[in-house]
């Protein structure tokens, strides 16, 4: 799962590793995986379709 601590940013755990706050729930594990695969596909295969400029380092 992906959560966000207002003080320390994003993390993937039950509680913020810095302050122990429960924080705000953003995405479950399946949603994180789907989003990651979608972004990888866009960046790898169709960057021009989404007007993304990819430099020599990717």
C-alpha atoms as a PDB file:
ATOM      1  CA  UNK A   1       0.000   0.000   0.000  1.00  0.00           C
ATOM      2  CA  UNK A   2       1.053   3.585  -0.499  1.00  0.00           C
ATOM      3  CA  UNK A   3       0.436   6.175   2.191  1.00  0.00           C
ATOM      4  CA  UNK A   4       1.445   9.800   2.714  1.00  0.00           C
ATOM      5  CA  UNK A   5       2.671  11.393   5.913  1.00  0.00           C
ATOM      6  CA  UNK A   6       2.096  15.157   5.867  1.00  0.00           C
ATOM      7  CA  UNK A   7       5.473  15.685   7.550  1.00  0.00           C
ATOM      8  CA  UNK A   8       7.663  13.070   5.839  1.00  0.00           C
ATOM      9  CA  UNK A   9       6.125  12.268   2.447  1.00  0.00           C
ATOM     10  CA  UNK A  10       5.243   8.943   0.847  1.00  0.00           C
ATOM     11  CA  UNK A  11       5.922   5.493   2.270  1.00  0.00           C
ATOM     12  CA  UNK A  12       4.845   1.854   1.795  1.00  0.00           C
ATOM     13  CA  UNK A  13       4.080   0.530   5.261  1.00  0.00           C
ATOM     14  CA  UNK A  14       1.328   0.637   7.896  1.00  0.00           C
ATOM     15  CA  UNK A  15       2.858   3.607   9.732  1.00  0.00           C
ATOM     16  CA  UNK A  16       5.314   6.372   8.816  1.00  0.00           C
ATOM     17  CA  UNK A  17       8.836   5.040   9.479  1.00  0.00           C
ATOM     18  CA  UNK A  18       9.955   8.477  10.693  1.00  0.00           C
ATOM     19  CA  UNK A  19       7.217   9.512  13.136  1.00  0.00           C
ATOM     20  CA  UNK A  20       4.926   6.485  13.507  1.00  0.00           C
ATOM     21  CA  UNK A  21       1.875   8.342  12.166  1.00  0.00           C
ATOM     22  CA  UNK A  22      -0.793   6.246  10.416  1.00  0.00           C
ATOM     23  CA  UNK A  23      -1.023   8.927   7.692  1.00  0.00           C
ATOM     24  CA  UNK A  24      -3.300   9.133   4.667  1.00  0.00           C
ATOM     25  CA  UNK A  25      -4.037   6.009   2.589  1.00  0.00           C
ATOM     26  CA  UNK A  26      -3.486   6.583  -1.158  1.00  0.00           C
ATOM     27  CA  UNK A  27      -3.315   3.276  -3.099  1.00  0.00           C
ATOM     28  CA  UNK A  28      -3.552  -0.423  -2.326  1.00  0.00           C
ATOM     29  CA  UNK A  29      -0.858  -2.846  -3.542  1.00  0.00           C
ATOM     30  CA  UNK A  30      -2.759  -3.810  -6.694  1.00  0.00           C
ATOM     31  CA  UNK A  31      -3.286  -0.153  -7.631  1.00  0.00           C
ATOM     32  CA  UNK A  32       0.421   0.615  -7.066  1.00  0.00           C
ATOM     33  CA  UNK A  33       1.386  -2.319  -9.315  1.00  0.00           C
ATOM     34  CA  UNK A  34      -1.087  -1.324 -12.046  1.00  0.00           C
ATOM     35  CA  UNK A  35       0.054   2.297 -11.986  1.00  0.00           C
ATOM     36  CA  UNK A  36       3.715   1.264 -12.143  1.00  0.00           C
ATOM     37  CA  UNK A  37       3.153  -1.049 -15.098  1.00  0.00           C
ATOM     38  CA  UNK A  38       1.126   1.607 -16.926  1.00  0.00           C
ATOM     39  CA  UNK A  39       3.798   4.264 -16.401  1.00  0.00           C
ATOM     40  CA  UNK A  40       6.552   1.872 -17.518  1.00  0.00           C
ATOM     41  CA  UNK A  41       4.614   1.070 -20.691  1.00  0.00           C
ATOM     42  CA  UNK A  42       3.979   4.731 -21.478  1.00  0.00           C
ATOM     43  CA  UNK A  43       7.594   5.734 -20.880  1.00  0.00           C
ATOM     44  CA  UNK A  44       9.041   2.749 -22.724  1.00  0.00           C
ATOM     45  CA  UNK A  45       6.747   2.518 -25.734  1.00  0.00           C
ATOM     46  CA  UNK A  46       4.683   5.694 -26.229  1.00  0.00           C
ATOM     47  CA  UNK A  47       6.417   8.780 -24.773  1.00  0.00           C
ATOM     48  CA  UNK A  48       5.695  10.866 -27.878  1.00  0.00           C
ATOM     49  CA  UNK A  49       1.968  10.115 -27.654  1.00  0.00           C
ATOM     50  CA  UNK A  50       1.910  11.871 -24.275  1.00  0.00           C
ATOM     51  CA  UNK A  51       4.331  14.657 -25.298  1.00  0.00           C
ATOM     52  CA  UNK A  52       7.104  13.378 -23.027  1.00  0.00           C
ATOM     53  CA  UNK A  53      10.709  14.232 -23.818  1.00  0.00           C
ATOM     54  CA  UNK A  54      13.073  11.377 -22.977  1.00  0.00           C
ATOM     55  CA  UNK A  55      16.775  12.250 -22.760  1.00  0.00           C
ATOM     56  CA  UNK A  56      19.728   9.915 -23.398  1.00  0.00           C
ATOM     57  CA  UNK A  57      19.540   8.690 -19.768  1.00  0.00           C
ATOM     58  CA  UNK A  58      15.914   7.684 -20.065  1.00  0.00           C
END
